[in-house]
Amino acid sequence: MSQPLLPLLSTAPVERRDAARNRVALLEAAAELMGGCGVEVLTMEAVAAKAGVGKGTVFRRFGSREGLMASLLDHREAEWQAGVISGPAPLGPGAPPMERLLAFGASRLRLHLDQAALIEAAGRTWGENPAVLGFAALHVRILLGELGVTGNLRYLATALIAPLSVPILRQQIGHGSMTEAEVLAGWEELVRRVAPQDGVIT
């Protein structure tokens, strides 16, 4: 039986090759700025100076600071999704489904922690993108099916993804005083309870 295709994130219209190169160059400049000093320094002026272009070019490309941040998140999300679809195992194809599911959780947790401030700063511009949650949910649902899990897989997939969201990670690692390793271990325990070896939830 054929599996459903994962909905790779694609929000940008088709671009000319030179326009695509310019967009990537601006996003790389933004990532370098943020990597060195944090999201607070990510302004249109700073990105323009870093990329060696006029500020108007950045505004024409992204519209606003929030649009710039959302585009940077889109770019990183697309790279991560590409890794799930065709990257090396165990995140990508080729590993047993349980290994892929555990790799998904570890990778998604790290991605969200790395860019939590950026996700929060982008606000609704990024958070209301249904392709982000839809991709992750479908991927997890496919893996649960491969593991023989029964029940409402749509709901179970969403329930497994929820603890990896930035607000919950902030609460656990910040206010809850848990370490990243403890959070990941707890998530992996949850996965093994939802997807035990016999496929029946206990």
Protein backbone atom coordinates (compact mmCIF):
# COMPACT_ATOMS: atom_id res chain seq x y z
CA MET A 1 0.00 0.00 0.00
CA SER A 2 1.43 3.36 -0.96
CA GLN A 3 2.01 5.95 1.78
CA PRO A 4 0.71 9.52 1.65
CA LEU A 5 3.25 12.04 0.48
CA LEU A 6 4.63 14.36 3.10
CA PRO A 7 3.56 17.97 2.39
CA LEU A 8 6.94 19.65 2.03
CA LEU A 9 6.75 23.25 3.17
CA SER A 10 6.52 25.57 0.15
CA THR A 11 5.11 29.03 0.73
CA ALA A 12 7.22 31.07 -1.67
CA PRO A 13 6.33 31.51 -5.34
CA VAL A 14 8.64 30.18 -8.03
CA GLU A 15 11.62 32.52 -8.34
CA ARG A 16 14.18 33.30 -10.98
CA ARG A 17 17.51 31.71 -10.22
CA ASP A 18 19.21 35.03 -9.43
CA ALA A 19 16.31 36.11 -7.20
CA ALA A 20 16.50 32.81 -5.31
CA ARG A 21 20.26 33.28 -4.82
CA ASN A 22 19.71 36.81 -3.51
CA ARG A 23 17.02 35.62 -1.09
CA VAL A 24 19.27 32.88 0.26
CA ALA A 25 22.15 35.34 0.63
CA LEU A 26 19.95 37.68 2.67
CA LEU A 27 18.72 34.80 4.85
CA GLU A 28 22.28 33.62 5.43
CA ALA A 29 23.27 37.14 6.44
CA ALA A 30 20.33 37.22 8.87
CA ALA A 31 21.30 33.83 10.31
CA GLU A 32 24.91 34.95 10.83
CA LEU A 33 23.78 38.07 12.65
CA MET A 34 21.41 36.18 14.89
CA GLY A 35 23.91 33.40 15.56
CA GLY A 36 26.44 35.85 16.86
CA CYS A 37 24.26 38.24 18.88
CA GLY A 38 20.72 36.89 19.16
CA VAL A 39 17.41 37.83 17.63
CA GLU A 40 17.49 41.33 19.13
CA VAL A 41 20.03 42.51 16.54
CA LEU A 42 18.02 41.15 13.64
CA THR A 43 16.89 44.38 11.99
CA MET A 44 16.32 45.22 8.35
CA GLU A 45 19.18 47.72 8.50
CA ALA A 46 21.60 45.22 10.03
CA VAL A 47 20.76 42.53 7.47
CA ALA A 48 21.16 45.00 4.62
CA ALA A 49 24.58 46.06 5.91
CA LYS A 50 25.68 42.46 6.47
CA ALA A 51 24.59 41.44 2.96
CA GLY A 52 26.01 44.57 1.33
CA VAL A 53 22.71 45.75 -0.15
CA GLY A 54 20.40 48.70 0.38
CA LYS A 55 17.77 48.59 3.12
CA GLY A 56 15.08 48.97 0.47
CA THR A 57 16.13 45.65 -1.06
CA VAL A 58 15.49 43.86 2.23
CA PHE A 59 12.10 45.58 2.65
CA ARG A 60 11.08 44.70 -0.90
CA ARG A 61 12.03 41.08 -0.36
CA PHE A 62 10.52 40.51 3.11
CA GLY A 63 8.15 43.41 3.75
CA SER A 64 8.87 43.79 7.47
CA ARG A 65 11.08 42.52 10.27
CA GLU A 66 8.43 39.93 11.11
CA GLY A 67 8.37 38.86 7.47
CA LEU A 68 12.15 38.49 7.51
CA MET A 69 12.01 36.32 10.61
CA ALA A 70 9.21 34.20 9.17
CA SER A 71 11.19 33.73 5.94
CA LEU A 72 14.25 32.65 7.92
CA LEU A 73 12.11 30.15 9.82
CA ASP A 74 10.59 28.93 6.54
CA HIS A 75 14.07 28.41 5.12
CA ARG A 76 15.24 26.41 8.12
CA GLU A 77 12.01 24.42 8.26
CA ALA A 78 12.33 23.51 4.58
CA GLU A 79 15.90 22.32 5.15
CA TRP A 80 14.77 20.22 8.13
CA GLN A 81 11.86 18.74 6.19
CA ALA A 82 14.18 17.87 3.32
CA GLY A 83 16.31 15.96 5.82
CA VAL A 84 13.28 13.96 6.91
CA ILE A 85 12.28 13.16 3.34
CA SER A 86 15.64 12.36 1.77
CA GLY A 87 18.41 12.96 4.30
CA PRO A 88 20.58 10.36 6.01
CA ALA A 89 19.09 7.87 8.45
CA PRO A 90 17.83 7.71 11.10
CA LEU A 91 16.06 11.06 10.60
CA GLY A 92 15.76 10.29 6.90
CA PRO A 93 14.70 7.04 5.21
CA GLY A 94 16.49 3.75 5.75
CA ALA A 95 16.18 3.18 9.50
CA PRO A 96 13.49 1.17 11.34
CA PRO A 97 10.38 3.24 12.18
CA MET A 98 11.09 3.41 15.93
CA GLU A 99 14.59 4.73 15.29
CA ARG A 100 13.18 7.29 12.87
CA LEU A 101 10.52 8.36 15.36
CA LEU A 102 13.05 8.84 18.16
CA ALA A 103 15.38 10.70 15.79
CA PHE A 104 12.45 12.92 14.78
CA GLY A 105 11.81 13.88 18.40
CA ALA A 106 15.45 14.63 19.18
CA SER A 107 15.89 16.66 16.00
CA ARG A 108 12.64 18.58 16.41
CA LEU A 109 13.37 19.38 20.05
CA ARG A 110 16.84 20.71 19.18
CA LEU A 111 15.53 22.72 16.22
CA HIS A 112 12.88 24.40 18.38
CA LEU A 113 15.30 25.14 21.22
CA ASP A 114 17.83 26.59 18.79
CA GLN A 115 15.33 29.02 17.32
CA ALA A 116 12.84 29.49 20.16
CA ALA A 117 13.53 33.24 20.40
CA LEU A 118 13.10 33.60 16.64
CA ILE A 119 9.82 31.65 16.65
CA GLU A 120 8.48 33.80 19.49
CA ALA A 121 9.59 37.03 17.83
CA ALA A 122 8.00 36.07 14.51
CA GLY A 123 4.69 35.61 16.34
CA ARG A 124 1.55 34.99 14.31
CA THR A 125 3.41 35.53 11.03
CA TRP A 126 5.03 32.13 11.53
CA GLY A 127 2.86 30.36 14.08
CA GLU A 128 -0.24 30.22 11.92
CA ASN A 129 1.49 28.37 9.06
CA PRO A 130 -0.44 25.05 8.85
CA ALA A 131 2.21 23.40 6.66
CA VAL A 132 4.61 23.27 9.61
CA LEU A 133 2.42 21.23 11.93
CA GLY A 134 0.87 19.30 9.05
CA PHE A 135 4.21 17.93 7.86
CA ALA A 136 5.33 16.80 11.31
CA ALA A 137 1.94 15.29 12.16
CA LEU A 138 1.74 13.28 8.94
CA HIS A 139 5.30 12.03 9.31
CA VAL A 140 4.65 10.83 12.86
CA ARG A 141 1.33 9.28 11.83
CA ILE A 142 3.04 7.31 9.04
CA LEU A 143 5.68 6.02 11.46
CA LEU A 144 3.05 5.03 14.02
CA GLY A 145 1.27 3.09 11.29
CA GLU A 146 4.50 1.33 10.35
CA LEU A 147 4.92 0.39 14.02
CA GLY A 148 1.52 -1.26 14.01
CA VAL A 149 -0.08 1.18 16.44
CA THR A 150 -3.87 1.08 16.45
CA GLY A 151 -6.39 3.75 17.36
CA ASN A 152 -6.82 7.34 16.24
CA LEU A 153 -3.39 7.90 14.69
CA ARG A 154 -4.17 11.51 13.74
CA TYR A 155 -4.81 12.39 17.36
CA LEU A 156 -1.90 10.33 18.70
CA ALA A 157 0.51 11.97 16.25
CA THR A 158 -0.62 15.44 17.32
CA ALA A 159 -0.31 14.44 20.99
CA LEU A 160 3.29 13.32 20.43
CA ILE A 161 4.19 16.54 18.64
CA ALA A 162 2.67 18.86 21.26
CA PRO A 163 5.41 18.41 23.91
CA LEU A 164 8.00 19.53 21.35
CA SER A 165 6.40 22.96 20.91
CA VAL A 166 8.33 26.02 22.07
CA PRO A 167 5.90 27.10 24.88
CA ILE A 168 5.98 23.65 26.49
CA LEU A 169 9.75 23.34 26.11
CA ARG A 170 10.16 26.77 27.68
CA GLN A 171 7.99 25.76 30.62
CA GLN A 172 9.78 22.46 31.18
CA ILE A 173 13.37 23.57 30.72
CA GLY A 174 12.93 27.07 32.16
CA HIS A 175 10.28 27.15 34.87
CA GLY A 176 10.24 23.38 35.36
CA SER A 177 14.01 23.24 35.90
CA MET A 178 14.39 20.17 33.70
CA THR A 179 17.42 19.59 31.52
CA GLU A 180 17.18 19.04 27.79
CA ALA A 181 18.29 15.44 28.34
CA GLU A 182 15.49 14.87 30.86
CA VAL A 183 12.88 16.32 28.52
CA LEU A 184 14.08 14.17 25.65
CA ALA A 185 14.13 11.06 27.86
CA GLY A 186 10.57 11.79 28.97
CA TRP A 187 9.45 12.23 25.36
CA GLU A 188 11.08 8.95 24.35
CA GLU A 189 9.33 7.19 27.25
CA LEU A 190 6.02 8.62 26.01
CA VAL A 191 6.75 7.35 22.50
CA ARG A 192 7.47 3.84 23.76
CA ARG A 193 4.20 3.83 25.73
CA VAL A 194 2.23 4.97 22.68
CA ALA A 195 4.09 2.65 20.31
CA PRO A 196 5.07 -0.50 22.25
CA GLN A 197 6.49 -3.51 20.46
CA ASP A 198 3.12 -5.22 20.13
CA GLY A 199 1.48 -2.06 18.74
CA VAL A 200 -1.21 -1.98 21.47
CA ILE A 201 -1.34 1.13 23.63
CA THR A 202 -1.11 0.37 27.35
